[in-house]
Amino acid sequence: MRTSDQATESWLQRLKEKWSLSSYWQVVAVLVVFSLAGSSVVALRKWLFEILAYTDQTPMWLKVITYLAFVFPAYQVLLLFYGFILGQFHFFWSKEKRMIQWVAKKVSR
């Protein structure tokens, strides 16, 4: 049976290897960037929907289109911004480039 320290270490170790990072500090920094970007985009969505006067009566399809058109791209920018601040810009930029290539490939079909 594992102790909690061993379980935590293996969890961090797996992320470190999966993301090809060189230290546990980088793993923690990447997780913090994801947390900050996610929290920021939730606040941004709420603010945007208030400005657009969306209510519970607003059709879901309109909310989804708005989310995809404005909030999703903002999340990508926030990842790069927070990644830059925490010294992980290269990590997030390489992920962004791969995602952009994947989307472009899907759209061009």
PDB file of N, CA and C in Angstrom:
ATOM      1  N   MET A   1       0.834  -1.181   0.000  1.00  0.00           N
ATOM      2  CA  MET A   1       0.000   0.000   0.000  1.00  0.00           C
ATOM      3  C   MET A   1       0.884   1.252   0.000  1.00  0.00           C
ATOM      4  N   ARG A   2       0.487   2.245  -0.776  1.00  0.00           N
ATOM      5  CA  ARG A   2       1.275   3.471  -0.887  1.00  0.00           C
ATOM      6  C   ARG A   2       0.915   4.452   0.204  1.00  0.00           C
ATOM      7  N   THR A   3       1.894   5.226   0.573  1.00  0.00           N
ATOM      8  CA  THR A   3       1.600   6.345   1.465  1.00  0.00           C
ATOM      9  C   THR A   3       1.157   7.515   0.601  1.00  0.00           C
ATOM     10  N   SER A   4       0.581   8.527   1.212  1.00  0.00           N
ATOM     11  CA  SER A   4       0.109   9.669   0.426  1.00  0.00           C
ATOM     12  C   SER A   4       1.270  10.401  -0.244  1.00  0.00           C
ATOM     13  N   ASP A   5       2.441  10.432   0.385  1.00  0.00           N
ATOM     14  CA  ASP A   5       3.607  11.076  -0.236  1.00  0.00           C
ATOM     15  C   ASP A   5       4.016  10.344  -1.503  1.00  0.00           C
ATOM     16  N   GLN A   6       4.002   9.020  -1.466  1.00  0.00           N
ATOM     17  CA  GLN A   6       4.357   8.240  -2.648  1.00  0.00           C
ATOM     18  C   GLN A   6       3.323   8.438  -3.751  1.00  0.00           C
ATOM     19  N   ALA A   7       2.051   8.469  -3.389  1.00  0.00           N
ATOM     20  CA  ALA A   7       0.997   8.666  -4.383  1.00  0.00           C
ATOM     21  C   ALA A   7       1.127  10.035  -5.032  1.00  0.00           C
ATOM     22  N   THR A   8       1.398  11.057  -4.228  1.00  0.00           N
ATOM     23  CA  THR A   8       1.572  12.402  -4.757  1.00  0.00           C
ATOM     24  C   THR A   8       2.785  12.468  -5.665  1.00  0.00           C
ATOM     25  N   GLU A   9       3.861  11.863  -5.228  1.00  0.00           N
ATOM     26  CA  GLU A   9       5.076  11.892  -6.036  1.00  0.00           C
ATOM     27  C   GLU A   9       4.847  11.207  -7.377  1.00  0.00           C
ATOM     28  N   SER A  10       4.185  10.074  -7.384  1.00  0.00           N
ATOM     29  CA  SER A  10       3.974   9.383  -8.650  1.00  0.00           C
ATOM     30  C   SER A  10       3.021  10.173  -9.550  1.00  0.00           C
ATOM     31  N   TRP A  11       2.034  10.839  -8.963  1.00  0.00           N
ATOM     32  CA  TRP A  11       1.113  11.662  -9.730  1.00  0.00           C
ATOM     33  C   TRP A  11       1.865  12.823 -10.376  1.00  0.00           C
ATOM     34  N   LEU A  12       2.679  13.500  -9.589  1.00  0.00           N
ATOM     35  CA  LEU A  12       3.486  14.595 -10.128  1.00  0.00           C
ATOM     36  C   LEU A  12       4.506  14.082 -11.134  1.00  0.00           C
ATOM     37  N   GLN A  13       5.085  12.944 -10.847  1.00  0.00           N
ATOM     38  CA  GLN A  13       6.070  12.352 -11.753  1.00  0.00           C
ATOM     39  C   GLN A  13       5.431  12.029 -13.107  1.00  0.00           C
ATOM     40  N   ARG A  14       4.224  11.482 -13.080  1.00  0.00           N
ATOM     41  CA  ARG A  14       3.543  11.155 -14.345  1.00  0.00           C
ATOM     42  C   ARG A  14       3.267  12.412 -15.164  1.00  0.00           C
ATOM     43  N   LEU A  15       2.826  13.480 -14.511  1.00  0.00           N
ATOM     44  CA  LEU A  15       2.601  14.734 -15.237  1.00  0.00           C
ATOM     45  C   LEU A  15       3.913  15.296 -15.776  1.00  0.00           C
ATOM     46  N   LYS A  16       4.937  15.229 -14.969  1.00  0.00           N
ATOM     47  CA  LYS A  16       6.255  15.727 -15.384  1.00  0.00           C
ATOM     48  C   LYS A  16       6.730  14.996 -16.638  1.00  0.00           C
ATOM     49  N   GLU A  17       6.567  13.691 -16.657  1.00  0.00           N
ATOM     50  CA  GLU A  17       6.993  12.900 -17.816  1.00  0.00           C
ATOM     51  C   GLU A  17       6.080  13.133 -19.015  1.00  0.00           C
ATOM     52  N   LYS A  18       4.777  13.143 -18.784  1.00  0.00           N
ATOM     53  CA  LYS A  18       3.815  13.331 -19.878  1.00  0.00           C
ATOM     54  C   LYS A  18       4.026  14.665 -20.583  1.00  0.00           C
ATOM     55  N   TRP A  19       4.276  15.702 -19.806  1.00  0.00           N
ATOM     56  CA  TRP A  19       4.443  17.032 -20.362  1.00  0.00           C
ATOM     57  C   TRP A  19       5.896  17.358 -20.697  1.00  0.00           C
ATOM     58  N   SER A  20       6.800  16.416 -20.506  1.00  0.00           N
ATOM     59  CA  SER A  20       8.233  16.606 -20.785  1.00  0.00           C
ATOM     60  C   SER A  20       8.796  17.829 -20.063  1.00  0.00           C
ATOM     61  N   LEU A  21       8.485  17.934 -18.788  1.00  0.00           N
ATOM     62  CA  LEU A  21       8.996  19.031 -17.972  1.00  0.00           C
ATOM     63  C   LEU A  21      10.208  18.550 -17.194  1.00  0.00           C
ATOM     64  N   SER A  22      11.044  19.484 -16.777  1.00  0.00           N
ATOM     65  CA  SER A  22      12.296  19.091 -16.126  1.00  0.00           C
ATOM     66  C   SER A  22      12.253  19.152 -14.603  1.00  0.00           C
ATOM     67  N   SER A  23      11.200  19.740 -14.037  1.00  0.00           N
ATOM     68  CA  SER A  23      11.155  19.830 -12.575  1.00  0.00           C
ATOM     69  C   SER A  23       9.713  19.810 -12.079  1.00  0.00           C
ATOM     70  N   TYR A  24       9.590  19.515 -10.792  1.00  0.00           N
ATOM     71  CA  TYR A  24       8.266  19.545 -10.179  1.00  0.00           C
ATOM     72  C   TYR A  24       7.739  20.976 -10.108  1.00  0.00           C
ATOM     73  N   TRP A  25       8.643  21.937  -9.990  1.00  0.00           N
ATOM     74  CA  TRP A  25       8.234  23.345  -9.995  1.00  0.00           C
ATOM     75  C   TRP A  25       7.483  23.661 -11.281  1.00  0.00           C
ATOM     76  N   GLN A  26       7.977  23.165 -12.416  1.00  0.00           N
ATOM     77  CA  GLN A  26       7.304  23.418 -13.688  1.00  0.00           C
ATOM     78  C   GLN A  26       5.915  22.789 -13.707  1.00  0.00           C
ATOM     79  N   VAL A  27       5.784  21.591 -13.160  1.00  0.00           N
ATOM     80  CA  VAL A  27       4.474  20.937 -13.096  1.00  0.00           C
ATOM     81  C   VAL A  27       3.504  21.805 -12.297  1.00  0.00           C
ATOM     82  N   VAL A  28       3.952  22.266 -11.145  1.00  0.00           N
ATOM     83  CA  VAL A  28       3.104  23.109 -10.300  1.00  0.00           C
ATOM     84  C   VAL A  28       2.764  24.411 -11.026  1.00  0.00           C
ATOM     85  N   ALA A  29       3.740  25.015 -11.690  1.00  0.00           N
ATOM     86  CA  ALA A  29       3.501  26.263 -12.419  1.00  0.00           C
ATOM     87  C   ALA A  29       2.470  26.054 -13.527  1.00  0.00           C
ATOM     88  N   VAL A  30       2.566  24.955 -14.255  1.00  0.00           N
ATOM     89  CA  VAL A  30       1.608  24.655 -15.322  1.00  0.00           C
ATOM     90  C   VAL A  30       0.206  24.467 -14.740  1.00  0.00           C
ATOM     91  N   LEU A  31       0.106  23.759 -13.633  1.00  0.00           N
ATOM     92  CA  LEU A  31      -1.199  23.564 -12.993  1.00  0.00           C
ATOM     93  C   LEU A  31      -1.783  24.887 -12.504  1.00  0.00           C
ATOM     94  N   VAL A  32      -0.928  25.763 -11.990  1.00  0.00           N
ATOM     95  CA  VAL A  32      -1.387  27.088 -11.547  1.00  0.00           C
ATOM     96  C   VAL A  32      -1.875  27.901 -12.746  1.00  0.00           C
ATOM     97  N   VAL A  33      -1.165  27.820 -13.863  1.00  0.00           N
ATOM     98  CA  VAL A  33      -1.592  28.535 -15.070  1.00  0.00           C
ATOM     99  C   VAL A  33      -2.972  28.053 -15.510  1.00  0.00           C
ATOM    100  N   PHE A  34      -3.172  26.734 -15.542  1.00  0.00           N
ATOM    101  CA  PHE A  34      -4.491  26.204 -15.903  1.00  0.00           C
ATOM    102  C   PHE A  34      -5.565  26.713 -14.946  1.00  0.00           C
ATOM    103  N   SER A  35      -5.252  26.747 -13.665  1.00  0.00           N
ATOM    104  CA  SER A  35      -6.215  27.218 -12.663  1.00  0.00           C
ATOM    105  C   SER A  35      -6.547  28.696 -12.851  1.00  0.00           C
ATOM    106  N   LEU A  36      -5.525  29.509 -13.034  1.00  0.00           N
ATOM    107  CA  LEU A  36      -5.741  30.947 -13.221  1.00  0.00           C
ATOM    108  C   LEU A  36      -6.532  31.234 -14.497  1.00  0.00           C
ATOM    109  N   ALA A  37      -6.162  30.571 -15.586  1.00  0.00           N
ATOM    110  CA  ALA A  37      -6.861  30.797 -16.854  1.00  0.00           C
ATOM    111  C   ALA A  37      -8.315  30.342 -16.752  1.00  0.00           C
ATOM    112  N   GLY A  38      -8.545  29.204 -16.132  1.00  0.00           N
ATOM    113  CA  GLY A  38      -9.912  28.712 -15.975  1.00  0.00           C
ATOM    114  C   GLY A  38     -10.761  29.634 -15.130  1.00  0.00           C
ATOM    115  N   SER A  39     -10.218  30.088 -14.019  1.00  0.00           N
ATOM    116  CA  SER A  39     -10.954  31.012 -13.150  1.00  0.00           C
ATOM    117  C   SER A  39     -11.225  32.335 -13.858  1.00  0.00           C
ATOM    118  N   SER A  40     -10.242  32.814 -14.582  1.00  0.00           N
ATOM    119  CA  SER A  40     -10.401  34.084 -15.296  1.00  0.00           C
ATOM    120  C   SER A  40     -11.463  33.986 -16.380  1.00  0.00           C
ATOM    121  N   VAL A  41     -11.486  32.875 -17.091  1.00  0.00           N
ATOM    122  CA  VAL A  41     -12.447  32.735 -18.186  1.00  0.00           C
ATOM    123  C   VAL A  41     -13.875  32.595 -17.646  1.00  0.00           C
ATOM    124  N   VAL A  42     -14.035  32.015 -16.471  1.00  0.00           N
ATOM    125  CA  VAL A  42     -15.369  31.953 -15.854  1.00  0.00           C
ATOM    126  C   VAL A  42     -15.848  33.366 -15.535  1.00  0.00           C
ATOM    127  N   ALA A  43     -14.969  34.185 -14.981  1.00  0.00           N
ATOM    128  CA  ALA A  43     -15.324  35.575 -14.683  1.00  0.00           C
ATOM    129  C   ALA A  43     -15.595  36.350 -15.973  1.00  0.00           C
ATOM    130  N   LEU A  44     -14.783  36.114 -16.995  1.00  0.00           N
ATOM    131  CA  LEU A  44     -14.961  36.785 -18.280  1.00  0.00           C
ATOM    132  C   LEU A  44     -16.300  36.404 -18.912  1.00  0.00           C
ATOM    133  N   ARG A  45     -16.642  35.125 -18.862  1.00  0.00           N
ATOM    134  CA  ARG A  45     -17.915  34.678 -19.425  1.00  0.00           C
ATOM    135  C   ARG A  45     -19.083  35.358 -18.715  1.00  0.00           C
ATOM    136  N   LYS A  46     -19.025  35.390 -17.404  1.00  0.00           N
ATOM    137  CA  LYS A  46     -20.101  36.024 -16.631  1.00  0.00           C
ATOM    138  C   LYS A  46     -20.219  37.501 -17.007  1.00  0.00           C
ATOM    139  N   TRP A  47     -19.097  38.189 -17.072  1.00  0.00           N
ATOM    140  CA  TRP A  47     -19.070  39.608 -17.425  1.00  0.00           C
ATOM    141  C   TRP A  47     -19.617  39.823 -18.838  1.00  0.00           C
ATOM    142  N   LEU A  48     -19.170  39.005 -19.798  1.00  0.00           N
ATOM    143  CA  LEU A  48     -19.606  39.140 -21.187  1.00  0.00           C
ATOM    144  C   LEU A  48     -21.103  38.885 -21.320  1.00  0.00           C
ATOM    145  N   PHE A  49     -21.588  37.847 -20.661  1.00  0.00           N
ATOM    146  CA  PHE A  49     -23.015  37.535 -20.743  1.00  0.00           C
ATOM    147  C   PHE A  49     -23.859  38.630 -20.094  1.00  0.00           C
ATOM    148  N   GLU A  50     -23.341  39.274 -19.051  1.00  0.00           N
ATOM    149  CA  GLU A  50     -24.060  40.395 -18.438  1.00  0.00           C
ATOM    150  C   GLU A  50     -24.108  41.589 -19.385  1.00  0.00           C
ATOM    151  N   ILE A  51     -22.989  41.884 -20.029  1.00  0.00           N
ATOM    152  CA  ILE A  51     -22.938  43.005 -20.976  1.00  0.00           C
ATOM    153  C   ILE A  51     -23.888  42.768 -22.149  1.00  0.00           C
ATOM    154  N   LEU A  52     -23.966  41.521 -22.600  1.00  0.00           N
ATOM    155  CA  LEU A  52     -24.856  41.178 -23.709  1.00  0.00           C
ATOM    156  C   LEU A  52     -26.301  40.982 -23.249  1.00  0.00           C
ATOM    157  N   ALA A  53     -26.539  41.162 -21.954  1.00  0.00           N
ATOM    158  CA  ALA A  53     -27.876  41.028 -21.349  1.00  0.00           C
ATOM    159  C   ALA A  53     -28.471  39.638 -21.550  1.00  0.00           C
ATOM    160  N   TYR A  54     -27.629  38.614 -21.499  1.00  0.00           N
ATOM    161  CA  TYR A  54     -28.127  37.239 -21.584  1.00  0.00           C
ATOM    162  C   TYR A  54     -28.787  36.874 -20.258  1.00  0.00           C
ATOM    163  N   THR A  55     -29.906  36.192 -20.356  1.00  0.00           N
ATOM    164  CA  THR A  55     -30.633  35.734 -19.170  1.00  0.00           C
ATOM    165  C   THR A  55     -30.899  34.238 -19.313  1.00  0.00           C
ATOM    166  N   ASP A  56     -31.670  33.704 -18.386  1.00  0.00           N
ATOM    167  CA  ASP A  56     -32.072  32.302 -18.488  1.00  0.00           C
ATOM    168  C   ASP A  56     -32.959  32.079 -19.710  1.00  0.00           C
ATOM    169  N   GLN A  57     -33.556  33.147 -20.209  1.00  0.00           N
ATOM    170  CA  GLN A  57     -34.445  33.057 -21.373  1.00  0.00           C
ATOM    171  C   GLN A  57     -33.674  33.081 -22.698  1.00  0.00           C
ATOM    172  N   THR A  58     -32.410  33.452 -22.656  1.00  0.00           N
ATOM    173  CA  THR A  58     -31.592  33.489 -23.866  1.00  0.00           C
ATOM    174  C   THR A  58     -31.416  32.065 -24.380  1.00  0.00           C
ATOM    175  N   PRO A  59     -31.636  31.864 -25.680  1.00  0.00           N
ATOM    176  CA  PRO A  59     -31.503  30.507 -26.226  1.00  0.00           C
ATOM    177  C   PRO A  59     -30.097  29.938 -25.993  1.00  0.00           C
ATOM    178  N   MET A  60     -30.060  28.661 -25.666  1.00  0.00           N
ATOM    179  CA  MET A  60     -28.780  28.005 -25.383  1.00  0.00           C
ATOM    180  C   MET A  60     -27.851  28.061 -26.590  1.00  0.00           C
ATOM    181  N   TRP A  61     -28.396  27.923 -27.798  1.00  0.00           N
ATOM    182  CA  TRP A  61     -27.553  27.932 -28.988  1.00  0.00           C
ATOM    183  C   TRP A  61     -26.801  29.258 -29.107  1.00  0.00           C
ATOM    184  N   LEU A  62     -27.451  30.354 -28.717  1.00  0.00           N
ATOM    185  CA  LEU A  62     -26.803  31.664 -28.781  1.00  0.00           C
ATOM    186  C   LEU A  62     -25.687  31.772 -27.741  1.00  0.00           C
ATOM    187  N   LYS A  63     -25.932  31.244 -26.562  1.00  0.00           N
ATOM    188  CA  LYS A  63     -24.898  31.241 -25.521  1.00  0.00           C
ATOM    189  C   LYS A  63     -23.697  30.402 -25.953  1.00  0.00           C
ATOM    190  N   VAL A  64     -23.961  29.264 -26.574  1.00  0.00           N
ATOM    191  CA  VAL A  64     -22.873  28.383 -27.018  1.00  0.00           C
ATOM    192  C   VAL A  64     -22.050  29.064 -28.106  1.00  0.00           C
ATOM    193  N   ILE A  65     -22.717  29.676 -29.067  1.00  0.00           N
ATOM    194  CA  ILE A  65     -21.991  30.373 -30.140  1.00  0.00           C
ATOM    195  C   ILE A  65     -21.153  31.512 -29.565  1.00  0.00           C
ATOM    196  N   THR A  66     -21.734  32.270 -28.653  1.00  0.00           N
ATOM    197  CA  THR A  66     -20.998  33.359 -28.006  1.00  0.00           C
ATOM    198  C   THR A  66     -19.790  32.816 -27.262  1.00  0.00           C
ATOM    199  N   TYR A  67     -19.994  31.728 -26.539  1.00  0.00           N
ATOM    200  CA  TYR A  67     -18.898  31.121 -25.789  1.00  0.00           C
ATOM    201  C   TYR A  67     -17.775  30.704 -26.731  1.00  0.00           C
ATOM    202  N   LEU A  68     -18.130  29.999 -27.796  1.00  0.00           N
ATOM    203  CA  LEU A  68     -17.109  29.520 -28.732  1.00  0.00           C
ATOM    204  C   LEU A  68     -16.411  30.666 -29.454  1.00  0.00           C
ATOM    205  N   ALA A  69     -17.148  31.717 -29.774  1.00  0.00           N
ATOM    206  CA  ALA A  69     -16.577  32.827 -30.539  1.00  0.00           C
ATOM    207  C   ALA A  69     -15.701  33.753 -29.704  1.00  0.00           C
ATOM    208  N   PHE A  70     -16.027  33.918 -28.428  1.00  0.00           N
ATOM    209  CA  PHE A  70     -15.310  34.899 -27.617  1.00  0.00           C
ATOM    210  C   PHE A  70     -14.555  34.300 -26.432  1.00  0.00           C
ATOM    211  N   VAL A  71     -15.228  33.472 -25.677  1.00  0.00           N
ATOM    212  CA  VAL A  71     -14.637  32.991 -24.432  1.00  0.00           C
ATOM    213  C   VAL A  71     -13.567  31.937 -24.686  1.00  0.00           C
ATOM    214  N   PHE A  72     -13.810  30.994 -25.576  1.00  0.00           N
ATOM    215  CA  PHE A  72     -12.811  29.959 -25.858  1.00  0.00           C
ATOM    216  C   PHE A  72     -11.492  30.558 -26.348  1.00  0.00           C
ATOM    217  N   PRO A  73     -11.511  31.473 -27.329  1.00  0.00           N
ATOM    218  CA  PRO A  73     -10.243  32.099 -27.726  1.00  0.00           C
ATOM    219  C   PRO A  73      -9.587  32.891 -26.587  1.00  0.00           C
ATOM    220  N   ALA A  74     -10.409  33.521 -25.753  1.00  0.00           N
ATOM    221  CA  ALA A  74      -9.852  34.265 -24.616  1.00  0.00           C
ATOM    222  C   ALA A  74      -9.110  33.327 -23.673  1.00  0.00           C
ATOM    223  N   TYR A  75      -9.628  32.123 -23.498  1.00  0.00           N
ATOM    224  CA  TYR A  75      -8.962  31.132 -22.646  1.00  0.00           C
ATOM    225  C   TYR A  75      -7.571  30.814 -23.196  1.00  0.00           C
ATOM    226  N   GLN A  76      -7.467  30.679 -24.495  1.00  0.00           N
ATOM    227  CA  GLN A  76      -6.175  30.371 -25.108  1.00  0.00           C
ATOM    228  C   GLN A  76      -5.181  31.511 -24.879  1.00  0.00           C
ATOM    229  N   VAL A  77      -5.652  32.732 -25.017  1.00  0.00           N
ATOM    230  CA  VAL A  77      -4.794  33.900 -24.785  1.00  0.00           C
ATOM    231  C   VAL A  77      -4.393  33.980 -23.312  1.00  0.00           C
ATOM    232  N   LEU A  78      -5.340  33.706 -22.424  1.00  0.00           N
ATOM    233  CA  LEU A  78      -5.037  33.739 -20.989  1.00  0.00           C
ATOM    234  C   LEU A  78      -4.013  32.674 -20.614  1.00  0.00           C
ATOM    235  N   LEU A  79      -4.090  31.510 -21.234  1.00  0.00           N
ATOM    236  CA  LEU A  79      -3.071  30.483 -20.978  1.00  0.00           C
ATOM    237  C   LEU A  79      -1.680  31.013 -21.320  1.00  0.00           C
ATOM    238  N   LEU A  80      -1.568  31.667 -22.470  1.00  0.00           N
ATOM    239  CA  LEU A  80      -0.270  32.216 -22.873  1.00  0.00           C
ATOM    240  C   LEU A  80       0.165  33.344 -21.936  1.00  0.00           C
ATOM    241  N   PHE A  81      -0.770  34.201 -21.562  1.00  0.00           N
ATOM    242  CA  PHE A  81      -0.464  35.319 -20.674  1.00  0.00           C
ATOM    243  C   PHE A  81       0.034  34.826 -19.319  1.00  0.00           C
ATOM    244  N   TYR A  82      -0.741  33.971 -18.673  1.00  0.00           N
ATOM    245  CA  TYR A  82      -0.332  33.452 -17.365  1.00  0.00           C
ATOM    246  C   TYR A  82       0.911  32.567 -17.492  1.00  0.00           C
ATOM    247  N   GLY A  83       1.001  31.843 -18.597  1.00  0.00           N
ATOM    248  CA  GLY A  83       2.199  31.038 -18.832  1.00  0.00           C
ATOM    249  C   GLY A  83       3.440  31.909 -18.906  1.00  0.00           C
ATOM    250  N   PHE A  84       3.323  33.055 -19.560  1.00  0.00           N
ATOM    251  CA  PHE A  84       4.439  33.995 -19.643  1.00  0.00           C
ATOM    252  C   PHE A  84       4.818  34.504 -18.255  1.00  0.00           C
ATOM    253  N   ILE A  85       3.812  34.897 -17.491  1.00  0.00           N
ATOM    254  CA  ILE A  85       4.069  35.437 -16.153  1.00  0.00           C
ATOM    255  C   ILE A  85       4.766  34.407 -15.258  1.00  0.00           C
ATOM    256  N   LEU A  86       4.373  33.142 -15.384  1.00  0.00           N
ATOM    257  CA  LEU A  86       4.955  32.098 -14.530  1.00  0.00           C
ATOM    258  C   LEU A  86       6.109  31.347 -15.197  1.00  0.00           C
ATOM    259  N   GLY A  87       6.619  31.904 -16.298  1.00  0.00           N
ATOM    260  CA  GLY A  87       7.798  31.326 -16.934  1.00  0.00           C
ATOM    261  C   GLY A  87       7.546  30.040 -17.697  1.00  0.00           C
ATOM    262  N   GLN A  88       6.305  29.816 -18.121  1.00  0.00           N
ATOM    263  CA  GLN A  88       5.970  28.592 -18.843  1.00  0.00           C
ATOM    264  C   GLN A  88       5.406  28.885 -20.233  1.00  0.00           C
ATOM    265  N   PHE A  89       5.773  30.033 -20.789  1.00  0.00           N
ATOM    266  CA  PHE A  89       5.243  30.424 -22.095  1.00  0.00           C
ATOM    267  C   PHE A  89       5.564  29.390 -23.156  1.00  0.00           C
ATOM    268  N   HIS A  90       6.789  28.900 -23.198  1.00  0.00           N
ATOM    269  CA  HIS A  90       7.190  27.934 -24.225  1.00  0.00           C
ATOM    270  C   HIS A  90       6.311  26.685 -24.173  1.00  0.00           C
ATOM    271  N   PHE A  91       6.049  26.196 -22.983  1.00  0.00           N
ATOM    272  CA  PHE A  91       5.203  25.009 -22.818  1.00  0.00           C
ATOM    273  C   PHE A  91       3.827  25.256 -23.429  1.00  0.00           C
ATOM    274  N   PHE A  92       3.202  26.371 -23.064  1.00  0.00           N
ATOM    275  CA  PHE A  92       1.850  26.642 -23.543  1.00  0.00           C
ATOM    276  C   PHE A  92       1.831  27.033 -25.013  1.00  0.00           C
ATOM    277  N   TRP A  93       2.863  27.718 -25.491  1.00  0.00           N
ATOM    278  CA  TRP A  93       2.912  28.091 -26.897  1.00  0.00           C
ATOM    279  C   TRP A  93       3.019  26.847 -27.768  1.00  0.00           C
ATOM    280  N   SER A  94       3.805  25.867 -27.350  1.00  0.00           N
ATOM    281  CA  SER A  94       3.915  24.636 -28.144  1.00  0.00           C
ATOM    282  C   SER A  94       2.581  23.892 -28.172  1.00  0.00           C
ATOM    283  N   LYS A  95       1.847  23.895 -27.074  1.00  0.00           N
ATOM    284  CA  LYS A  95       0.521  23.260 -27.037  1.00  0.00           C
ATOM    285  C   LYS A  95      -0.460  24.029 -27.929  1.00  0.00           C
ATOM    286  N   GLU A  96      -0.402  25.349 -27.878  1.00  0.00           N
ATOM    287  CA  GLU A  96      -1.286  26.180 -28.699  1.00  0.00           C
ATOM    288  C   GLU A  96      -1.032  25.943 -30.187  1.00  0.00           C
ATOM    289  N   LYS A  97       0.236  25.884 -30.574  1.00  0.00           N
ATOM    290  CA  LYS A  97       0.553  25.656 -31.983  1.00  0.00           C
ATOM    291  C   LYS A  97      -0.016  24.330 -32.457  1.00  0.00           C
ATOM    292  N   ARG A  98       0.122  23.289 -31.635  1.00  0.00           N
ATOM    293  CA  ARG A  98      -0.421  21.975 -32.006  1.00  0.00           C
ATOM    294  C   ARG A  98      -1.941  22.026 -32.121  1.00  0.00           C
ATOM    295  N   MET A  99      -2.592  22.737 -31.215  1.00  0.00           N
ATOM    296  CA  MET A  99      -4.047  22.835 -31.260  1.00  0.00           C
ATOM    297  C   MET A  99      -4.500  23.607 -32.499  1.00  0.00           C
ATOM    298  N   ILE A 100      -3.811  24.684 -32.822  1.00  0.00           N
ATOM    299  CA  ILE A 100      -4.158  25.479 -34.003  1.00  0.00           C
ATOM    300  C   ILE A 100      -4.005  24.637 -35.265  1.00  0.00           C
ATOM    301  N   GLN A 101      -2.930  23.864 -35.343  1.00  0.00           N
ATOM    302  CA  GLN A 101      -2.731  22.991 -36.496  1.00  0.00           C
ATOM    303  C   GLN A 101      -3.835  21.945 -36.589  1.00  0.00           C
ATOM    304  N   TRP A 102      -4.245  21.393 -35.451  1.00  0.00           N
ATOM    305  CA  TRP A 102      -5.304  20.388 -35.431  1.00  0.00           C
ATOM    306  C   TRP A 102      -6.621  20.990 -35.908  1.00  0.00           C
ATOM    307  N   VAL A 103      -6.961  22.186 -35.406  1.00  0.00           N
ATOM    308  CA  VAL A 103      -8.204  22.856 -35.806  1.00  0.00           C
ATOM    309  C   VAL A 103      -8.157  23.199 -37.289  1.00  0.00           C
ATOM    310  N   ALA A 104      -7.041  23.717 -37.766  1.00  0.00           N
ATOM    311  CA  ALA A 104      -6.910  24.068 -39.180  1.00  0.00           C
ATOM    312  C   ALA A 104      -7.087  22.837 -40.060  1.00  0.00           C
ATOM    313  N   LYS A 105      -6.545  21.733 -39.631  1.00  0.00           N
ATOM    314  CA  LYS A 105      -6.677  20.484 -40.388  1.00  0.00           C
ATOM    315  C   LYS A 105      -8.140  20.045 -40.446  1.00  0.00           C
ATOM    316  N   LYS A 106      -8.849  20.153 -39.323  1.00  0.00           N
ATOM    317  CA  LYS A 106     -10.263  19.761 -39.273  1.00  0.00           C
ATOM    318  C   LYS A 106     -11.124  20.690 -40.129  1.00  0.00           C
ATOM    319  N   VAL A 107     -10.825  21.980 -40.097  1.00  0.00           N
ATOM    320  CA  VAL A 107     -11.616  22.957 -40.844  1.00  0.00           C
ATOM    321  C   VAL A 107     -11.382  22.825 -42.344  1.00  0.00           C
ATOM    322  N   SER A 108     -10.172  22.479 -42.743  1.00  0.00           N
ATOM    323  CA  SER A 108      -9.833  22.424 -44.166  1.00  0.00           C
ATOM    324  C   SER A 108     -10.362  21.173 -44.865  1.00  0.00           C
ATOM    325  N   ARG A 109     -10.938  20.272 -44.129  1.00  0.00           N
ATOM    326  CA  ARG A 109     -11.466  19.044 -44.762  1.00  0.00           C
ATOM    327  C   ARG A 109     -12.652  19.314 -45.611  1.00  0.00           C
TER     328      ARG A 109
END
